[in-house]
Amino acid sequence: MRVFPPAQARAYVKRLDLVHTPKHGSWLNIAECELSCLTSQCLAGRRIGDLAMLQSEIAAWSQKTNAQQRGVDWHFQVADARVKLKRLYPQSKT
């Protein structure tokens, strides 16, 4: 494990930007699934020595994956969101 000097460690920590995201129904869930697929299907068990090769491998995987036109079966509907997330939606006066 690499140990950084305190000043360098503080500089790294200052670069972090923590953002709250919802646990369910977030587009981040979809992105996490996609990154998991990339890792398991393209990168698992391999050491890629340079950035150009990594970019090439990811581009090839991405083209193959996008050609399959996979979709996401999204069950959370707008009406459900308005009930479950009622406090986040503004009330309109009609």
N, C-alpha and C. Protein backbone atom coordinates (compact mmCIF):
# COMPACT_ATOMS: atom_id res chain seq x y z
N MET A 1 0.85 -1.17 0.00
CA MET A 1 0.00 0.00 0.00
C MET A 1 0.90 1.24 0.00
N ARG A 2 0.57 2.18 -0.85
CA ARG A 2 1.36 3.40 -0.97
C ARG A 2 0.91 4.42 0.07
N VAL A 3 1.86 5.03 0.75
CA VAL A 3 1.58 6.05 1.76
C VAL A 3 2.03 7.40 1.21
N PHE A 4 1.12 8.38 1.26
CA PHE A 4 1.41 9.71 0.75
C PHE A 4 1.80 10.63 1.91
N PRO A 5 2.66 11.59 1.65
CA PRO A 5 2.95 12.61 2.68
C PRO A 5 1.67 13.37 3.01
N PRO A 6 1.53 13.86 4.23
CA PRO A 6 0.30 14.54 4.65
C PRO A 6 -0.15 15.67 3.71
N ALA A 7 0.76 16.48 3.23
CA ALA A 7 0.38 17.59 2.35
C ALA A 7 -0.22 17.08 1.04
N GLN A 8 0.37 16.04 0.50
CA GLN A 8 -0.15 15.48 -0.75
C GLN A 8 -1.50 14.79 -0.51
N ALA A 9 -1.63 14.09 0.61
CA ALA A 9 -2.90 13.44 0.96
C ALA A 9 -4.01 14.48 1.10
N ARG A 10 -3.71 15.60 1.78
CA ARG A 10 -4.71 16.68 1.93
C ARG A 10 -5.11 17.23 0.57
N ALA A 11 -4.15 17.38 -0.34
CA ALA A 11 -4.44 17.90 -1.68
C ALA A 11 -5.40 16.96 -2.40
N TYR A 12 -5.19 15.65 -2.25
CA TYR A 12 -6.10 14.68 -2.88
C TYR A 12 -7.50 14.76 -2.28
N VAL A 13 -7.56 14.87 -0.95
CA VAL A 13 -8.86 14.93 -0.28
C VAL A 13 -9.63 16.18 -0.70
N LYS A 14 -8.94 17.30 -0.86
CA LYS A 14 -9.60 18.54 -1.27
C LYS A 14 -10.20 18.44 -2.67
N ARG A 15 -9.67 17.54 -3.49
CA ARG A 15 -10.18 17.37 -4.86
C ARG A 15 -11.48 16.57 -4.89
N LEU A 16 -11.80 15.86 -3.81
CA LEU A 16 -13.02 15.06 -3.78
C LEU A 16 -14.25 15.95 -3.68
N ASP A 17 -15.27 15.60 -4.42
CA ASP A 17 -16.53 16.32 -4.37
C ASP A 17 -17.63 15.30 -4.10
N LEU A 18 -18.07 15.19 -2.85
CA LEU A 18 -19.07 14.22 -2.47
C LEU A 18 -20.46 14.78 -2.75
N VAL A 19 -21.26 13.99 -3.45
CA VAL A 19 -22.60 14.41 -3.85
C VAL A 19 -23.59 13.33 -3.44
N HIS A 20 -24.67 13.72 -2.76
CA HIS A 20 -25.70 12.76 -2.38
C HIS A 20 -26.49 12.33 -3.61
N THR A 21 -26.66 11.04 -3.75
CA THR A 21 -27.50 10.52 -4.82
C THR A 21 -28.52 9.57 -4.20
N PRO A 22 -29.70 9.48 -4.79
CA PRO A 22 -30.73 8.59 -4.23
C PRO A 22 -30.31 7.13 -4.36
N LYS A 23 -30.81 6.29 -3.44
CA LYS A 23 -30.47 4.87 -3.47
C LYS A 23 -31.15 4.14 -4.62
N HIS A 24 -32.36 4.55 -4.95
CA HIS A 24 -33.14 3.82 -5.95
C HIS A 24 -33.64 4.78 -7.03
N GLY A 25 -33.80 4.28 -8.22
CA GLY A 25 -34.40 5.07 -9.29
C GLY A 25 -33.48 6.11 -9.89
N SER A 26 -32.20 5.96 -9.71
CA SER A 26 -31.28 6.96 -10.21
C SER A 26 -30.65 6.49 -11.51
N TRP A 27 -30.33 7.45 -12.38
CA TRP A 27 -29.61 7.10 -13.61
C TRP A 27 -28.24 6.54 -13.27
N LEU A 28 -27.75 6.84 -12.05
CA LEU A 28 -26.46 6.29 -11.65
C LEU A 28 -26.51 4.78 -11.52
N ASN A 29 -27.67 4.22 -11.17
CA ASN A 29 -27.80 2.77 -11.11
C ASN A 29 -27.52 2.16 -12.48
N ILE A 30 -28.02 2.79 -13.52
CA ILE A 30 -27.80 2.31 -14.88
C ILE A 30 -26.32 2.43 -15.24
N ALA A 31 -25.72 3.55 -14.88
CA ALA A 31 -24.30 3.75 -15.18
C ALA A 31 -23.45 2.72 -14.43
N GLU A 32 -23.80 2.42 -13.18
CA GLU A 32 -23.06 1.43 -12.41
C GLU A 32 -23.18 0.05 -13.06
N CYS A 33 -24.36 -0.29 -13.55
CA CYS A 33 -24.55 -1.57 -14.24
C CYS A 33 -23.69 -1.63 -15.49
N GLU A 34 -23.64 -0.55 -16.24
CA GLU A 34 -22.84 -0.51 -17.47
C GLU A 34 -21.35 -0.66 -17.16
N LEU A 35 -20.89 0.03 -16.13
CA LEU A 35 -19.48 -0.09 -15.73
C LEU A 35 -19.16 -1.49 -15.23
N SER A 36 -20.11 -2.11 -14.55
CA SER A 36 -19.91 -3.48 -14.08
C SER A 36 -19.78 -4.44 -15.27
N CYS A 37 -20.62 -4.24 -16.28
CA CYS A 37 -20.53 -5.07 -17.50
C CYS A 37 -19.20 -4.85 -18.21
N LEU A 38 -18.79 -3.61 -18.32
CA LEU A 38 -17.50 -3.30 -18.95
C LEU A 38 -16.37 -4.02 -18.22
N THR A 39 -16.40 -3.96 -16.90
CA THR A 39 -15.35 -4.59 -16.11
C THR A 39 -15.34 -6.10 -16.30
N SER A 40 -16.50 -6.73 -16.20
CA SER A 40 -16.55 -8.19 -16.27
C SER A 40 -16.35 -8.72 -17.69
N GLN A 41 -16.86 -8.02 -18.70
CA GLN A 41 -16.81 -8.52 -20.07
C GLN A 41 -15.54 -8.12 -20.81
N CYS A 42 -14.93 -7.03 -20.43
CA CYS A 42 -13.81 -6.50 -21.22
C CYS A 42 -12.49 -6.47 -20.45
N LEU A 43 -12.54 -6.15 -19.17
CA LEU A 43 -11.31 -5.88 -18.46
C LEU A 43 -10.91 -6.94 -17.44
N ALA A 44 -11.82 -7.83 -17.09
CA ALA A 44 -11.56 -8.80 -16.02
C ALA A 44 -10.37 -9.70 -16.37
N GLY A 45 -9.48 -9.84 -15.41
CA GLY A 45 -8.35 -10.75 -15.55
C GLY A 45 -7.27 -10.30 -16.51
N ARG A 46 -7.29 -9.04 -16.90
CA ARG A 46 -6.31 -8.53 -17.86
C ARG A 46 -5.53 -7.37 -17.27
N ARG A 47 -4.29 -7.25 -17.68
CA ARG A 47 -3.48 -6.06 -17.36
C ARG A 47 -3.19 -5.39 -18.69
N ILE A 48 -3.66 -4.19 -18.85
CA ILE A 48 -3.45 -3.44 -20.08
C ILE A 48 -2.40 -2.39 -19.77
N GLY A 49 -1.30 -2.45 -20.51
CA GLY A 49 -0.11 -1.69 -20.17
C GLY A 49 -0.12 -0.21 -20.47
N ASP A 50 -0.89 0.23 -21.46
CA ASP A 50 -0.84 1.66 -21.78
C ASP A 50 -2.23 2.20 -22.09
N LEU A 51 -2.35 3.50 -22.01
CA LEU A 51 -3.65 4.18 -22.16
C LEU A 51 -4.24 3.97 -23.55
N ALA A 52 -3.42 4.03 -24.59
CA ALA A 52 -3.92 3.86 -25.96
C ALA A 52 -4.57 2.49 -26.14
N MET A 53 -3.94 1.46 -25.60
CA MET A 53 -4.49 0.10 -25.71
C MET A 53 -5.79 -0.01 -24.93
N LEU A 54 -5.84 0.59 -23.74
CA LEU A 54 -7.06 0.59 -22.93
C LEU A 54 -8.20 1.27 -23.68
N GLN A 55 -7.92 2.44 -24.25
CA GLN A 55 -8.95 3.15 -25.01
C GLN A 55 -9.42 2.33 -26.20
N SER A 56 -8.52 1.65 -26.87
CA SER A 56 -8.86 0.82 -28.01
C SER A 56 -9.76 -0.35 -27.60
N GLU A 57 -9.42 -1.01 -26.51
CA GLU A 57 -10.21 -2.15 -26.03
C GLU A 57 -11.61 -1.70 -25.59
N ILE A 58 -11.68 -0.58 -24.88
CA ILE A 58 -12.98 -0.08 -24.42
C ILE A 58 -13.83 0.36 -25.61
N ALA A 59 -13.22 1.00 -26.61
CA ALA A 59 -13.96 1.42 -27.80
C ALA A 59 -14.53 0.21 -28.54
N ALA A 60 -13.75 -0.85 -28.67
CA ALA A 60 -14.22 -2.07 -29.34
C ALA A 60 -15.38 -2.69 -28.57
N TRP A 61 -15.25 -2.77 -27.25
CA TRP A 61 -16.32 -3.32 -26.43
C TRP A 61 -17.57 -2.45 -26.53
N SER A 62 -17.38 -1.14 -26.51
CA SER A 62 -18.50 -0.21 -26.57
C SER A 62 -19.26 -0.33 -27.90
N GLN A 63 -18.54 -0.42 -29.00
CA GLN A 63 -19.18 -0.56 -30.31
C GLN A 63 -19.99 -1.86 -30.38
N LYS A 64 -19.41 -2.95 -29.90
CA LYS A 64 -20.11 -4.24 -29.90
C LYS A 64 -21.37 -4.17 -29.03
N THR A 65 -21.23 -3.57 -27.85
CA THR A 65 -22.35 -3.47 -26.92
C THR A 65 -23.46 -2.57 -27.48
N ASN A 66 -23.09 -1.42 -28.04
CA ASN A 66 -24.09 -0.50 -28.59
C ASN A 66 -24.80 -1.08 -29.79
N ALA A 67 -24.14 -1.95 -30.54
CA ALA A 67 -24.77 -2.58 -31.71
C ALA A 67 -25.90 -3.51 -31.29
N GLN A 68 -25.86 -4.00 -30.06
CA GLN A 68 -26.90 -4.91 -29.57
C GLN A 68 -28.18 -4.19 -29.15
N GLN A 69 -28.13 -2.87 -29.02
CA GLN A 69 -29.29 -2.05 -28.66
C GLN A 69 -30.02 -2.59 -27.43
N ARG A 70 -29.26 -2.77 -26.36
CA ARG A 70 -29.89 -3.19 -25.11
C ARG A 70 -30.68 -2.03 -24.53
N GLY A 71 -31.66 -2.36 -23.76
CA GLY A 71 -32.46 -1.33 -23.10
C GLY A 71 -32.47 -1.55 -21.60
N VAL A 72 -33.04 -0.61 -20.91
CA VAL A 72 -33.19 -0.72 -19.47
C VAL A 72 -34.68 -0.82 -19.18
N ASP A 73 -35.06 -1.83 -18.43
CA ASP A 73 -36.46 -2.03 -18.06
C ASP A 73 -36.73 -1.19 -16.82
N TRP A 74 -37.16 0.04 -17.04
CA TRP A 74 -37.34 1.01 -15.97
C TRP A 74 -38.76 0.89 -15.45
N HIS A 75 -38.93 0.50 -14.18
CA HIS A 75 -40.26 0.27 -13.60
C HIS A 75 -40.81 1.49 -12.89
N PHE A 76 -39.98 2.45 -12.56
CA PHE A 76 -40.39 3.61 -11.78
C PHE A 76 -41.02 4.63 -12.72
N GLN A 77 -42.34 4.79 -12.67
CA GLN A 77 -43.08 5.68 -13.56
C GLN A 77 -43.20 7.08 -12.94
N VAL A 78 -43.50 8.06 -13.76
CA VAL A 78 -43.62 9.45 -13.29
C VAL A 78 -44.71 9.57 -12.22
N ALA A 79 -45.83 8.89 -12.42
CA ALA A 79 -46.91 8.96 -11.43
C ALA A 79 -46.43 8.41 -10.08
N ASP A 80 -45.68 7.31 -10.12
CA ASP A 80 -45.14 6.74 -8.88
C ASP A 80 -44.16 7.71 -8.23
N ALA A 81 -43.35 8.36 -9.05
CA ALA A 81 -42.37 9.31 -8.54
C ALA A 81 -43.06 10.47 -7.84
N ARG A 82 -44.16 10.95 -8.41
CA ARG A 82 -44.87 12.07 -7.81
C ARG A 82 -45.46 11.70 -6.44
N VAL A 83 -45.81 10.43 -6.26
CA VAL A 83 -46.31 9.98 -4.96
C VAL A 83 -45.15 9.77 -3.99
N LYS A 84 -44.17 8.99 -4.42
CA LYS A 84 -43.05 8.63 -3.53
C LYS A 84 -42.16 9.83 -3.20
N LEU A 85 -41.97 10.71 -4.17
CA LEU A 85 -41.08 11.86 -3.99
C LEU A 85 -41.87 13.16 -3.89
N LYS A 86 -43.03 13.09 -3.31
CA LYS A 86 -43.95 14.21 -3.23
C LYS A 86 -43.29 15.47 -2.67
N ARG A 87 -42.45 15.31 -1.68
CA ARG A 87 -41.81 16.46 -1.04
C ARG A 87 -40.84 17.18 -1.97
N LEU A 88 -40.38 16.52 -3.03
CA LEU A 88 -39.42 17.13 -3.96
C LEU A 88 -40.10 17.87 -5.11
N TYR A 89 -41.38 17.58 -5.34
CA TYR A 89 -42.08 18.23 -6.44
C TYR A 89 -42.81 19.46 -5.95
N PRO A 90 -42.69 20.56 -6.67
CA PRO A 90 -43.40 21.78 -6.24
C PRO A 90 -44.91 21.62 -6.39
N GLN A 91 -45.63 22.26 -5.48
CA GLN A 91 -47.09 22.23 -5.55
C GLN A 91 -47.57 23.37 -6.45
N SER A 92 -48.38 23.04 -7.45
CA SER A 92 -48.92 24.08 -8.33
C SER A 92 -50.33 24.44 -7.86
N LYS A 93 -50.67 25.70 -7.99
CA LYS A 93 -51.99 26.17 -7.58
C LYS A 93 -52.87 26.25 -8.80
N THR A 94 -53.85 25.34 -8.89
CA THR A 94 -54.77 25.34 -10.02
C THR A 94 -56.19 25.38 -9.55
